[in-house]
């Protein structure tokens, strides 16, 4: 059975259309489900200007369905997947706005760090949104939100969310590994872990400033000791020492 979006029996007028090549102006005919087409006149690979890429952001059969994805659409797929993870996180925490806000702040800082450090944005942002999903179950089971309980109970919940969204197995494995020790760095950590760890550390300090020594020298020493990336340290100084 074909996806209805790919089955021409369900197509409407306009699902086959013409568009000019941006390089030479030659007119190309597109089917709506084609990610790209090569211009017969100049050879330029033209991205489908009307491509509806929404379902491919989470469908595990996307590559089989629409073929090899050009970099432009692959980047869009990752962006859409990130947005769906964020929605799942908000639905999971429901009206716990404190934890939704925490995850959102961690993801914003994680994105800045990952960009500068050239980490894998899909892994880092997925981990950022889902890193604390073990808290609810920890509070139910152990009556505590201690880090060790979060790390024990978070990965299965995160795995179920990512599988529901059709995430690739490699991403699921790495994100679950990060969540499973996100408060406790190992001696030789990945760049993806470091980006998430620094972002979470920054937000935790920001939210609990009263629990840390508030003078500038002590905070500077804490940043140098605890943060794992140079970008994280720089960002922490900008946020905490302003």
C-alpha atoms as a PDB file:
ATOM      1  CA  UNK A   1       0.000   0.000   0.000  1.00  0.00           C
ATOM      2  CA  UNK A   2       1.382   3.394  -1.013  1.00  0.00           C
ATOM      3  CA  UNK A   3       1.262   6.527   1.103  1.00  0.00           C
ATOM      4  CA  UNK A   4      -1.786   8.501  -0.152  1.00  0.00           C
ATOM      5  CA  UNK A   5       0.421  11.539  -0.609  1.00  0.00           C
ATOM      6  CA  UNK A   6       2.531   9.567  -3.094  1.00  0.00           C
ATOM      7  CA  UNK A   7      -0.347   7.835  -4.917  1.00  0.00           C
ATOM      8  CA  UNK A   8      -1.303   9.774  -8.062  1.00  0.00           C
ATOM      9  CA  UNK A   9      -4.919   8.586  -7.738  1.00  0.00           C
ATOM     10  CA  UNK A  10      -5.289  11.060  -4.883  1.00  0.00           C
ATOM     11  CA  UNK A  11      -3.601  13.951  -6.649  1.00  0.00           C
ATOM     12  CA  UNK A  12      -5.344  17.196  -7.545  1.00  0.00           C
ATOM     13  CA  UNK A  13      -4.852  19.762 -10.317  1.00  0.00           C
ATOM     14  CA  UNK A  14      -1.589  21.523  -9.663  1.00  0.00           C
ATOM     15  CA  UNK A  15       0.183  18.485  -8.202  1.00  0.00           C
ATOM     16  CA  UNK A  16       2.063  18.307 -11.503  1.00  0.00           C
ATOM     17  CA  UNK A  17       3.397  21.757 -12.315  1.00  0.00           C
ATOM     18  CA  UNK A  18       6.101  23.706 -14.121  1.00  0.00           C
ATOM     19  CA  UNK A  19       8.874  25.829 -12.605  1.00  0.00           C
ATOM     20  CA  UNK A  20      11.820  27.673 -14.161  1.00  0.00           C
ATOM     21  CA  UNK A  21      15.418  26.632 -13.576  1.00  0.00           C
ATOM     22  CA  UNK A  22      16.991  29.387 -11.428  1.00  0.00           C
ATOM     23  CA  UNK A  23      20.258  29.073 -13.385  1.00  0.00           C
ATOM     24  CA  UNK A  24      19.173  29.187 -17.032  1.00  0.00           C
ATOM     25  CA  UNK A  25      15.412  29.814 -16.968  1.00  0.00           C
ATOM     26  CA  UNK A  26      14.550  26.549 -18.730  1.00  0.00           C
ATOM     27  CA  UNK A  27      11.078  25.291 -17.791  1.00  0.00           C
ATOM     28  CA  UNK A  28      11.014  22.039 -15.795  1.00  0.00           C
ATOM     29  CA  UNK A  29       8.002  19.844 -15.082  1.00  0.00           C
ATOM     30  CA  UNK A  30       7.744  18.678 -11.456  1.00  0.00           C
ATOM     31  CA  UNK A  31       5.629  16.060  -9.770  1.00  0.00           C
ATOM     32  CA  UNK A  32       4.727  17.256  -6.271  1.00  0.00           C
ATOM     33  CA  UNK A  33       6.572  14.320  -4.623  1.00  0.00           C
ATOM     34  CA  UNK A  34       9.902  14.876  -6.401  1.00  0.00           C
ATOM     35  CA  UNK A  35      12.512  16.355  -4.040  1.00  0.00           C
ATOM     36  CA  UNK A  36      14.577  17.658  -6.959  1.00  0.00           C
ATOM     37  CA  UNK A  37      15.050  17.430 -10.715  1.00  0.00           C
ATOM     38  CA  UNK A  38      18.060  18.065 -12.952  1.00  0.00           C
ATOM     39  CA  UNK A  39      17.672  20.695 -15.652  1.00  0.00           C
ATOM     40  CA  UNK A  40      18.151  19.098 -19.079  1.00  0.00           C
ATOM     41  CA  UNK A  41      19.445  22.389 -20.448  1.00  0.00           C
ATOM     42  CA  UNK A  42      22.221  23.290 -17.965  1.00  0.00           C
ATOM     43  CA  UNK A  43      22.417  20.298 -15.627  1.00  0.00           C
ATOM     44  CA  UNK A  44      21.629  22.314 -12.472  1.00  0.00           C
ATOM     45  CA  UNK A  45      19.891  20.290  -9.728  1.00  0.00           C
ATOM     46  CA  UNK A  46      16.706  22.218  -8.935  1.00  0.00           C
ATOM     47  CA  UNK A  47      14.954  21.716  -5.596  1.00  0.00           C
ATOM     48  CA  UNK A  48      11.183  21.237  -5.875  1.00  0.00           C
ATOM     49  CA  UNK A  49       9.804  24.660  -4.851  1.00  0.00           C
ATOM     50  CA  UNK A  50       6.519  23.169  -3.613  1.00  0.00           C
ATOM     51  CA  UNK A  51       7.841  20.140  -1.775  1.00  0.00           C
ATOM     52  CA  UNK A  52       5.689  19.315   1.255  1.00  0.00           C
ATOM     53  CA  UNK A  53       8.294  17.875   3.555  1.00  0.00           C
ATOM     54  CA  UNK A  54       6.252  17.685   6.756  1.00  0.00           C
ATOM     55  CA  UNK A  55       5.621  13.944   7.067  1.00  0.00           C
ATOM     56  CA  UNK A  56       9.206  13.093   6.109  1.00  0.00           C
ATOM     57  CA  UNK A  57      10.446  14.814   9.265  1.00  0.00           C
ATOM     58  CA  UNK A  58       9.199  11.893  11.347  1.00  0.00           C
ATOM     59  CA  UNK A  59       8.332   9.055   8.946  1.00  0.00           C
ATOM     60  CA  UNK A  60      10.836   6.191   9.247  1.00  0.00           C
ATOM     61  CA  UNK A  61      10.198   5.271   5.604  1.00  0.00           C
ATOM     62  CA  UNK A  62      11.043   8.750   4.284  1.00  0.00           C
ATOM     63  CA  UNK A  63      14.148   7.726   2.348  1.00  0.00           C
ATOM     64  CA  UNK A  64      12.396   4.771   0.699  1.00  0.00           C
ATOM     65  CA  UNK A  65       9.374   6.947  -0.049  1.00  0.00           C
ATOM     66  CA  UNK A  66      10.974  10.016  -1.624  1.00  0.00           C
ATOM     67  CA  UNK A  67      14.439   8.781  -2.415  1.00  0.00           C
ATOM     68  CA  UNK A  68      17.815  10.236  -1.499  1.00  0.00           C
ATOM     69  CA  UNK A  69      17.269  13.633   0.099  1.00  0.00           C
ATOM     70  CA  UNK A  70      19.290  16.655  -1.004  1.00  0.00           C
ATOM     71  CA  UNK A  71      21.090  18.566   1.791  1.00  0.00           C
ATOM     72  CA  UNK A  72      18.540  21.402   1.789  1.00  0.00           C
ATOM     73  CA  UNK A  73      15.674  19.042   2.535  1.00  0.00           C
ATOM     74  CA  UNK A  74      17.726  16.947   4.949  1.00  0.00           C
ATOM     75  CA  UNK A  75      18.369  20.089   7.027  1.00  0.00           C
ATOM     76  CA  UNK A  76      14.653  20.892   6.888  1.00  0.00           C
ATOM     77  CA  UNK A  77      13.835  17.362   7.996  1.00  0.00           C
ATOM     78  CA  UNK A  78      16.041  17.756  11.074  1.00  0.00           C
ATOM     79  CA  UNK A  79      14.427  21.105  11.884  1.00  0.00           C
ATOM     80  CA  UNK A  80      10.941  19.624  11.674  1.00  0.00           C
ATOM     81  CA  UNK A  81      11.945  16.617  13.772  1.00  0.00           C
ATOM     82  CA  UNK A  82      13.313  18.950  16.446  1.00  0.00           C
ATOM     83  CA  UNK A  83       9.997  20.803  16.519  1.00  0.00           C
ATOM     84  CA  UNK A  84       8.057  17.564  16.922  1.00  0.00           C
ATOM     85  CA  UNK A  85      10.316  16.499  19.803  1.00  0.00           C
ATOM     86  CA  UNK A  86       9.653  19.855  21.478  1.00  0.00           C
ATOM     87  CA  UNK A  87       5.895  19.318  21.124  1.00  0.00           C
ATOM     88  CA  UNK A  88       6.151  15.799  22.563  1.00  0.00           C
ATOM     89  CA  UNK A  89       8.134  17.151  25.522  1.00  0.00           C
ATOM     90  CA  UNK A  90       5.473  19.791  26.231  1.00  0.00           C
ATOM     91  CA  UNK A  91       2.701  17.215  26.011  1.00  0.00           C
ATOM     92  CA  UNK A  92       4.601  14.873  28.318  1.00  0.00           C
ATOM     93  CA  UNK A  93       5.066  17.516  31.028  1.00  0.00           C
ATOM     94  CA  UNK A  94       1.515  18.802  30.411  1.00  0.00           C
ATOM     95  CA  UNK A  95       1.014  21.735  32.820  1.00  0.00           C
ATOM     96  CA  UNK A  96       4.407  21.512  34.490  1.00  0.00           C
ATOM     97  CA  UNK A  97       5.468  24.845  33.033  1.00  0.00           C
ATOM     98  CA  UNK A  98       8.599  25.043  35.169  1.00  0.00           C
ATOM     99  CA  UNK A  99      10.063  21.935  33.552  1.00  0.00           C
ATOM    100  CA  UNK A 100       8.845  22.889  30.092  1.00  0.00           C
ATOM    101  CA  UNK A 101      10.560  26.237  30.521  1.00  0.00           C
ATOM    102  CA  UNK A 102      13.730  24.567  31.780  1.00  0.00           C
ATOM    103  CA  UNK A 103      13.908  22.246  28.758  1.00  0.00           C
ATOM    104  CA  UNK A 104      13.250  25.143  26.390  1.00  0.00           C
ATOM    105  CA  UNK A 105      16.070  27.213  27.923  1.00  0.00           C
ATOM    106  CA  UNK A 106      18.467  24.276  27.845  1.00  0.00           C
ATOM    107  CA  UNK A 107      17.665  23.713  24.171  1.00  0.00           C
ATOM    108  CA  UNK A 108      18.329  27.377  23.325  1.00  0.00           C
ATOM    109  CA  UNK A 109      21.736  27.348  24.987  1.00  0.00           C
ATOM    110  CA  UNK A 110      22.519  23.872  23.613  1.00  0.00           C
ATOM    111  CA  UNK A 111      21.810  25.089  20.090  1.00  0.00           C
ATOM    112  CA  UNK A 112      24.257  27.981  20.491  1.00  0.00           C
ATOM    113  CA  UNK A 113      26.956  25.720  21.902  1.00  0.00           C
ATOM    114  CA  UNK A 114      26.428  22.950  19.331  1.00  0.00           C
ATOM    115  CA  UNK A 115      26.592  25.444  16.475  1.00  0.00           C
ATOM    116  CA  UNK A 116      29.929  26.900  17.585  1.00  0.00           C
ATOM    117  CA  UNK A 117      31.420  23.550  18.593  1.00  0.00           C
ATOM    118  CA  UNK A 118      30.170  21.864  15.386  1.00  0.00           C
ATOM    119  CA  UNK A 119      28.344  19.124  17.300  1.00  0.00           C
ATOM    120  CA  UNK A 120      25.497  17.039  15.834  1.00  0.00           C
ATOM    121  CA  UNK A 121      22.542  19.397  16.164  1.00  0.00           C
ATOM    122  CA  UNK A 122      19.903  16.648  15.843  1.00  0.00           C
ATOM    123  CA  UNK A 123      21.410  14.656  18.731  1.00  0.00           C
ATOM    124  CA  UNK A 124      22.091  17.681  20.940  1.00  0.00           C
ATOM    125  CA  UNK A 125      18.669  19.296  20.565  1.00  0.00           C
ATOM    126  CA  UNK A 126      16.752  16.036  20.943  1.00  0.00           C
ATOM    127  CA  UNK A 127      18.711  15.316  24.127  1.00  0.00           C
ATOM    128  CA  UNK A 128      18.142  18.882  25.322  1.00  0.00           C
ATOM    129  CA  UNK A 129      14.370  18.637  25.009  1.00  0.00           C
ATOM    130  CA  UNK A 130      14.171  15.152  26.539  1.00  0.00           C
ATOM    131  CA  UNK A 131      16.991  15.147  29.109  1.00  0.00           C
ATOM    132  CA  UNK A 132      14.679  15.530  32.129  1.00  0.00           C
ATOM    133  CA  UNK A 133      11.772  13.290  31.099  1.00  0.00           C
ATOM    134  CA  UNK A 134      12.707  10.834  33.845  1.00  0.00           C
ATOM    135  CA  UNK A 135      11.737  13.307  36.577  1.00  0.00           C
ATOM    136  CA  UNK A 136       8.017  12.518  36.617  1.00  0.00           C
ATOM    137  CA  UNK A 137       8.563   8.785  36.914  1.00  0.00           C
ATOM    138  CA  UNK A 138      11.335   9.311  39.510  1.00  0.00           C
ATOM    139  CA  UNK A 139       8.978  11.363  41.655  1.00  0.00           C
ATOM    140  CA  UNK A 140       6.246   8.741  41.277  1.00  0.00           C
ATOM    141  CA  UNK A 141       8.455   5.731  41.941  1.00  0.00           C
ATOM    142  CA  UNK A 142      11.029   7.094  44.404  1.00  0.00           C
ATOM    143  CA  UNK A 143       9.334  10.278  45.650  1.00  0.00           C
ATOM    144  CA  UNK A 144      12.505  12.064  44.569  1.00  0.00           C
ATOM    145  CA  UNK A 145      13.886  13.948  41.555  1.00  0.00           C
ATOM    146  CA  UNK A 146      17.503  13.033  42.368  1.00  0.00           C
ATOM    147  CA  UNK A 147      19.799  12.970  39.342  1.00  0.00           C
ATOM    148  CA  UNK A 148      20.507   9.249  39.602  1.00  0.00           C
ATOM    149  CA  UNK A 149      16.785   8.433  39.455  1.00  0.00           C
ATOM    150  CA  UNK A 150      16.264  10.726  36.474  1.00  0.00           C
ATOM    151  CA  UNK A 151      19.134   9.019  34.665  1.00  0.00           C
ATOM    152  CA  UNK A 152      17.781   5.554  35.474  1.00  0.00           C
ATOM    153  CA  UNK A 153      14.199   6.212  34.373  1.00  0.00           C
ATOM    154  CA  UNK A 154      14.599   8.788  31.619  1.00  0.00           C
ATOM    155  CA  UNK A 155      16.041   6.714  28.740  1.00  0.00           C
ATOM    156  CA  UNK A 156      13.082   4.302  28.288  1.00  0.00           C
ATOM    157  CA  UNK A 157      10.638   7.222  28.203  1.00  0.00           C
ATOM    158  CA  UNK A 158      12.792   9.146  25.733  1.00  0.00           C
ATOM    159  CA  UNK A 159      13.218   6.019  23.612  1.00  0.00           C
ATOM    160  CA  UNK A 160       9.448   5.522  23.377  1.00  0.00           C
ATOM    161  CA  UNK A 161       8.953   9.148  22.317  1.00  0.00           C
ATOM    162  CA  UNK A 162      11.645   8.988  19.631  1.00  0.00           C
ATOM    163  CA  UNK A 163      10.433   5.642  18.296  1.00  0.00           C
ATOM    164  CA  UNK A 164       6.930   7.073  18.009  1.00  0.00           C
ATOM    165  CA  UNK A 165       8.381   9.883  15.902  1.00  0.00           C
ATOM    166  CA  UNK A 166      10.282   7.442  13.677  1.00  0.00           C
ATOM    167  CA  UNK A 167      13.774   8.556  14.727  1.00  0.00           C
ATOM    168  CA  UNK A 168      16.673   6.492  13.379  1.00  0.00           C
ATOM    169  CA  UNK A 169      18.092   3.844  15.718  1.00  0.00           C
ATOM    170  CA  UNK A 170      21.514   5.495  15.850  1.00  0.00           C
ATOM    171  CA  UNK A 171      20.060   8.786  17.091  1.00  0.00           C
ATOM    172  CA  UNK A 172      17.850   7.015  19.641  1.00  0.00           C
ATOM    173  CA  UNK A 173      20.817   5.094  21.027  1.00  0.00           C
ATOM    174  CA  UNK A 174      23.040   8.151  21.455  1.00  0.00           C
ATOM    175  CA  UNK A 175      20.333  10.384  22.906  1.00  0.00           C
ATOM    176  CA  UNK A 176      19.345   7.690  25.436  1.00  0.00           C
ATOM    177  CA  UNK A 177      22.984   7.247  26.406  1.00  0.00           C
ATOM    178  CA  UNK A 178      23.335  10.992  27.024  1.00  0.00           C
ATOM    179  CA  UNK A 179      20.118  11.145  29.059  1.00  0.00           C
ATOM    180  CA  UNK A 180      21.238   8.119  31.071  1.00  0.00           C
ATOM    181  CA  UNK A 181      24.198  10.008  32.558  1.00  0.00           C
ATOM    182  CA  UNK A 182      23.542  13.661  31.724  1.00  0.00           C
ATOM    183  CA  UNK A 183      24.525  14.854  35.217  1.00  0.00           C
ATOM    184  CA  UNK A 184      27.644  12.683  35.399  1.00  0.00           C
ATOM    185  CA  UNK A 185      30.297  13.173  32.691  1.00  0.00           C
ATOM    186  CA  UNK A 186      32.556  10.256  31.889  1.00  0.00           C
ATOM    187  CA  UNK A 187      36.317  10.698  31.514  1.00  0.00           C
ATOM    188  CA  UNK A 188      36.214  10.793  27.707  1.00  0.00           C
ATOM    189  CA  UNK A 189      32.924  12.386  26.636  1.00  0.00           C
ATOM    190  CA  UNK A 190      31.510  13.045  23.170  1.00  0.00           C
ATOM    191  CA  UNK A 191      31.118  16.579  21.873  1.00  0.00           C
ATOM    192  CA  UNK A 192      27.354  16.048  21.746  1.00  0.00           C
ATOM    193  CA  UNK A 193      27.263  15.183  25.451  1.00  0.00           C
ATOM    194  CA  UNK A 194      29.425  18.180  26.331  1.00  0.00           C
ATOM    195  CA  UNK A 195      27.120  20.594  24.492  1.00  0.00           C
ATOM    196  CA  UNK A 196      24.053  19.297  26.342  1.00  0.00           C
ATOM    197  CA  UNK A 197      25.863  19.126  29.696  1.00  0.00           C
ATOM    198  CA  UNK A 198      27.089  22.729  29.490  1.00  0.00           C
ATOM    199  CA  UNK A 199      23.663  24.030  28.483  1.00  0.00           C
ATOM    200  CA  UNK A 200      21.971  22.161  31.338  1.00  0.00           C
ATOM    201  CA  UNK A 201      24.625  23.288  33.818  1.00  0.00           C
ATOM    202  CA  UNK A 202      24.169  26.907  32.742  1.00  0.00           C
ATOM    203  CA  UNK A 203      20.400  26.806  33.199  1.00  0.00           C
ATOM    204  CA  UNK A 204      20.696  25.009  36.540  1.00  0.00           C
ATOM    205  CA  UNK A 205      23.040  27.708  37.855  1.00  0.00           C
ATOM    206  CA  UNK A 206      20.848  30.431  36.389  1.00  0.00           C
ATOM    207  CA  UNK A 207      17.739  28.983  38.074  1.00  0.00           C
ATOM    208  CA  UNK A 208      19.452  28.299  41.411  1.00  0.00           C
ATOM    209  CA  UNK A 209      21.737  31.279  41.722  1.00  0.00           C
ATOM    210  CA  UNK A 210      21.090  31.496  45.469  1.00  0.00           C
ATOM    211  CA  UNK A 211      22.572  28.023  45.966  1.00  0.00           C
ATOM    212  CA  UNK A 212      25.885  29.051  44.454  1.00  0.00           C
ATOM    213  CA  UNK A 213      28.501  31.442  45.766  1.00  0.00           C
ATOM    214  CA  UNK A 214      27.388  34.724  44.283  1.00  0.00           C
ATOM    215  CA  UNK A 215      30.652  36.665  44.141  1.00  0.00           C
ATOM    216  CA  UNK A 216      32.230  37.013  40.748  1.00  0.00           C
ATOM    217  CA  UNK A 217      35.493  35.221  41.552  1.00  0.00           C
ATOM    218  CA  UNK A 218      33.749  32.120  42.909  1.00  0.00           C
ATOM    219  CA  UNK A 219      31.381  31.964  39.953  1.00  0.00           C
ATOM    220  CA  UNK A 220      34.288  32.343  37.528  1.00  0.00           C
ATOM    221  CA  UNK A 221      36.094  29.453  39.246  1.00  0.00           C
ATOM    222  CA  UNK A 222      32.935  27.335  39.064  1.00  0.00           C
ATOM    223  CA  UNK A 223      32.598  27.993  35.341  1.00  0.00           C
ATOM    224  CA  UNK A 224      36.238  27.064  34.678  1.00  0.00           C
ATOM    225  CA  UNK A 225      35.913  23.872  36.698  1.00  0.00           C
ATOM    226  CA  UNK A 226      32.482  22.580  35.669  1.00  0.00           C
ATOM    227  CA  UNK A 227      31.949  23.515  32.023  1.00  0.00           C
ATOM    228  CA  UNK A 228      33.307  21.168  29.357  1.00  0.00           C
ATOM    229  CA  UNK A 229      33.467  23.317  26.200  1.00  0.00           C
ATOM    230  CA  UNK A 230      35.074  26.670  25.512  1.00  0.00           C
ATOM    231  CA  UNK A 231      31.805  27.894  23.989  1.00  0.00           C
ATOM    232  CA  UNK A 232      29.921  26.815  27.107  1.00  0.00           C
ATOM    233  CA  UNK A 233      32.367  28.678  29.336  1.00  0.00           C
ATOM    234  CA  UNK A 234      32.140  31.809  27.209  1.00  0.00           C
ATOM    235  CA  UNK A 235      28.339  31.682  27.162  1.00  0.00           C
ATOM    236  CA  UNK A 236      28.197  31.081  30.917  1.00  0.00           C
ATOM    237  CA  UNK A 237      30.365  34.135  31.561  1.00  0.00           C
ATOM    238  CA  UNK A 238      28.160  36.249  29.321  1.00  0.00           C
ATOM    239  CA  UNK A 239      24.973  35.078  31.077  1.00  0.00           C
ATOM    240  CA  UNK A 240      26.108  34.733  34.703  1.00  0.00           C
ATOM    241  CA  UNK A 241      28.756  37.447  35.093  1.00  0.00           C
ATOM    242  CA  UNK A 242      26.985  40.294  33.331  1.00  0.00           C
END
